[in-house]
Amino acid sequence: MRIRINLYLPAIIILCLFYASVTALAQDSISCKVVKKYSDGSYLVQIGDITFLAITEEIQKNALKKKRDLLDAQKEIILKDSLLAKYEQNLAWYEATNNHMKKYILELEDTYKGYKNLYRDYKKLKEPWVSLEGGIGATGDTKPAILAGIQIRQIHVWGFLQEKNSGALIGANFRLF
């Protein structure tokens, strides 16, 4: 490494002198001098009114590597930003879908309650409010007997008629299943 730096310094000085001599032919004399030597091996060189920074090959490679790393990092940031934008877009879509589903569930629950009420009303209409009941039978003696009754909702009233006997019954109807 020291050999390269030591080789570059004379090359830079020769280049400066060559540049100065070429420009000296075209112009008045231009001076070339090393203004400052830095600890990293680079030099601040002044040729006429122009100041140059002479760097080593290693510094140049490091600078190019850092520039490449910076470009790679910027590409990665762009990629991740686009992914974040897609995630945010998907999140908004999922939230909207979730809100629509909640509204739909509420509508379905209302519809279910409506159908349940409709079924209950139909069931009430299906069961008769008033009905007449009748029957013929016999008791211990051989005379025929008539049983007649009326039902209002779940309350039953029956009358028992026979030639010399009669009676009344009251009952209720309870569903088991």
Protein backbone atom coordinates (compact mmCIF):
# COMPACT_ATOMS: atom_id res chain seq x y z
CA MET A 1 0.00 0.00 0.00
CA ARG A 2 2.83 2.38 0.85
CA ILE A 3 4.45 1.58 -2.46
CA ARG A 4 1.33 2.63 -4.39
CA ILE A 5 0.99 5.89 -2.49
CA ASN A 6 4.67 6.63 -3.00
CA LEU A 7 4.27 5.88 -6.72
CA TYR A 8 1.28 8.13 -7.05
CA LEU A 9 2.96 11.16 -5.54
CA PRO A 10 5.70 11.40 -8.19
CA ALA A 11 3.12 10.63 -10.87
CA ILE A 12 0.96 13.48 -9.64
CA ILE A 13 3.90 15.82 -9.48
CA ILE A 14 5.01 14.82 -12.99
CA LEU A 15 1.46 15.29 -14.22
CA CYS A 16 1.33 18.70 -12.62
CA LEU A 17 4.66 19.64 -14.15
CA PHE A 18 3.59 18.33 -17.55
CA TYR A 19 0.35 20.26 -17.32
CA ALA A 20 2.22 23.33 -16.20
CA SER A 21 4.77 23.02 -18.99
CA VAL A 22 2.10 22.48 -21.66
CA THR A 23 0.11 25.41 -20.43
CA ALA A 24 3.28 27.41 -20.00
CA LEU A 25 3.92 27.18 -23.70
CA ALA A 26 0.44 28.48 -24.39
CA GLN A 27 0.38 31.03 -21.59
CA ASP A 28 2.55 32.67 -19.09
CA SER A 29 4.06 30.37 -16.53
CA ILE A 30 1.58 28.43 -14.31
CA SER A 31 2.79 26.99 -11.09
CA CYS A 32 1.91 23.60 -9.63
CA LYS A 33 2.32 23.00 -5.96
CA VAL A 34 1.10 20.60 -3.26
CA VAL A 35 -0.89 22.71 -0.85
CA LYS A 36 -1.59 20.11 1.82
CA LYS A 37 -1.00 16.42 2.44
CA TYR A 38 -3.80 14.58 4.26
CA SER A 39 -3.41 11.59 6.58
CA ASP A 40 -5.44 9.29 4.29
CA GLY A 41 -2.85 9.68 1.53
CA SER A 42 -4.65 12.31 -0.52
CA TYR A 43 -3.18 15.68 -1.55
CA LEU A 44 -4.56 19.12 -2.16
CA VAL A 45 -2.82 20.34 -5.32
CA GLN A 46 -3.05 23.80 -6.86
CA ILE A 47 -2.32 24.33 -10.56
CA GLY A 48 -2.59 27.97 -11.43
CA ASP A 49 -5.89 29.23 -10.09
CA ILE A 50 -7.49 25.76 -9.97
CA THR A 51 -7.29 23.57 -6.87
CA PHE A 52 -7.50 19.76 -7.22
CA LEU A 53 -7.82 16.96 -4.73
CA ALA A 54 -5.56 14.03 -5.68
CA ILE A 55 -6.75 10.77 -4.12
CA THR A 56 -5.37 7.26 -4.00
CA GLU A 57 -6.87 4.34 -5.90
CA GLU A 58 -8.07 2.79 -2.63
CA ILE A 59 -9.96 5.96 -1.69
CA GLN A 60 -11.50 6.00 -5.16
CA LYS A 61 -12.58 2.33 -4.84
CA ASN A 62 -14.03 3.01 -1.39
CA ALA A 63 -15.91 6.04 -2.70
CA LEU A 64 -17.30 4.01 -5.60
CA LYS A 65 -18.29 1.19 -3.24
CA LYS A 66 -20.03 3.67 -0.93
CA LYS A 67 -21.81 5.20 -3.92
CA ARG A 68 -22.94 1.72 -5.05
CA ASP A 69 -24.08 0.88 -1.51
CA LEU A 70 -26.01 4.15 -1.37
CA LEU A 71 -27.75 3.39 -4.69
CA ASP A 72 -28.59 -0.13 -3.49
CA ALA A 73 -29.99 1.25 -0.23
CA GLN A 74 -32.08 3.81 -2.14
CA LYS A 75 -33.50 1.04 -4.37
CA GLU A 76 -34.31 -1.02 -1.31
CA ILE A 77 -36.04 1.97 0.30
CA ILE A 78 -38.10 2.52 -2.86
CA LEU A 79 -39.08 -1.17 -2.90
CA LYS A 80 -40.05 -1.13 0.77
CA ASP A 81 -42.00 2.12 0.32
CA SER A 82 -43.97 0.53 -2.51
CA LEU A 83 -44.64 -2.52 -0.33
CA LEU A 84 -45.82 -0.29 2.50
CA ALA A 85 -48.13 1.54 0.10
CA LYS A 86 -49.58 -1.81 -1.06
CA TYR A 87 -50.00 -2.94 2.56
CA GLU A 88 -51.79 0.30 3.43
CA GLN A 89 -54.02 -0.09 0.36
CA ASN A 90 -54.83 -3.69 1.34
CA LEU A 91 -55.48 -2.65 4.92
CA ALA A 92 -57.95 0.01 3.77
CA TRP A 93 -59.66 -2.55 1.51
CA TYR A 94 -59.90 -5.10 4.34
CA GLU A 95 -61.31 -2.49 6.72
CA ALA A 96 -63.92 -1.47 4.15
CA THR A 97 -64.80 -5.13 3.53
CA ASN A 98 -65.01 -5.75 7.28
CA ASN A 99 -67.38 -2.78 7.71
CA HIS A 100 -69.56 -4.03 4.84
CA MET A 101 -69.65 -7.51 6.38
CA LYS A 102 -70.67 -6.11 9.78
CA LYS A 103 -73.52 -4.17 8.14
CA TYR A 104 -74.51 -7.30 6.20
CA ILE A 105 -74.50 -9.37 9.40
CA LEU A 106 -76.79 -6.80 11.08
CA GLU A 107 -79.15 -6.96 8.10
CA LEU A 108 -79.13 -10.76 8.21
CA GLU A 109 -79.89 -10.73 11.95
CA ASP A 110 -82.81 -8.35 11.34
CA THR A 111 -84.05 -10.59 8.53
CA TYR A 112 -83.72 -13.64 10.79
CA LYS A 113 -85.75 -11.91 13.53
CA GLY A 114 -88.36 -10.96 10.94
CA TYR A 115 -88.64 -14.55 9.71
CA LYS A 116 -88.83 -15.79 13.30
CA ASN A 117 -91.68 -13.36 14.03
CA LEU A 118 -93.36 -14.37 10.77
CA TYR A 119 -93.12 -18.04 11.76
CA ARG A 120 -94.58 -17.30 15.21
CA ASP A 121 -97.47 -15.37 13.61
CA TYR A 122 -98.05 -18.17 11.09
CA LYS A 123 -98.06 -20.69 13.89
CA LYS A 124 -100.71 -18.64 15.71
CA LEU A 125 -102.80 -18.53 12.54
CA LYS A 126 -102.30 -22.24 11.95
CA GLU A 127 -103.71 -23.19 15.34
CA PRO A 128 -107.44 -22.57 15.42
CA TRP A 129 -108.80 -20.02 17.82
CA VAL A 130 -112.20 -21.57 18.06
CA SER A 131 -113.13 -25.14 17.24
CA LEU A 132 -116.06 -27.43 17.88
CA GLU A 133 -115.58 -30.95 19.13
CA GLY A 134 -118.04 -33.77 19.22
CA GLY A 135 -118.30 -37.47 19.76
CA ILE A 136 -120.65 -40.40 20.36
CA GLY A 137 -120.14 -43.06 22.91
CA ALA A 138 -121.80 -45.34 25.45
CA THR A 139 -121.73 -45.61 29.21
CA GLY A 140 -122.47 -48.50 31.55
CA ASP A 141 -126.08 -48.71 30.40
CA THR A 142 -126.79 -49.30 26.77
CA LYS A 143 -128.11 -45.88 25.95
CA PRO A 144 -125.99 -43.76 23.60
CA ALA A 145 -124.24 -40.63 24.89
CA ILE A 146 -123.15 -37.52 23.03
CA LEU A 147 -120.11 -35.48 23.86
CA ALA A 148 -120.01 -31.94 22.48
CA GLY A 149 -117.51 -29.22 23.17
CA ILE A 150 -115.96 -25.99 22.13
CA GLN A 151 -112.35 -24.98 22.21
CA ILE A 152 -111.18 -21.36 22.46
CA ARG A 153 -107.41 -21.26 22.12
CA GLN A 154 -106.21 -23.70 24.77
CA ILE A 155 -109.36 -23.84 26.93
CA HIS A 156 -111.84 -26.66 26.30
CA VAL A 157 -115.43 -26.89 27.51
CA TRP A 158 -117.34 -30.16 26.97
CA GLY A 159 -120.87 -31.14 27.60
CA PHE A 160 -121.93 -34.74 28.20
CA LEU A 161 -125.51 -35.58 27.27
CA GLN A 162 -127.37 -38.83 27.75
CA GLU A 163 -131.04 -39.60 28.15
CA LYS A 164 -131.07 -39.42 31.94
CA ASN A 165 -127.53 -38.13 32.61
CA SER A 166 -125.70 -34.93 31.71
CA GLY A 167 -122.54 -33.21 32.80
CA ALA A 168 -119.93 -30.66 31.91
CA LEU A 169 -116.16 -30.82 31.69
CA ILE A 170 -113.61 -28.01 31.50
CA GLY A 171 -110.04 -28.64 30.44
CA ALA A 172 -106.96 -27.06 29.04
CA ASN A 173 -104.61 -28.02 26.28
CA PHE A 174 -100.83 -27.89 26.96
CA ARG A 175 -98.22 -28.82 24.39
CA LEU A 176 -95.50 -31.19 25.46
CA PHE A 177 -93.41 -31.11 22.27
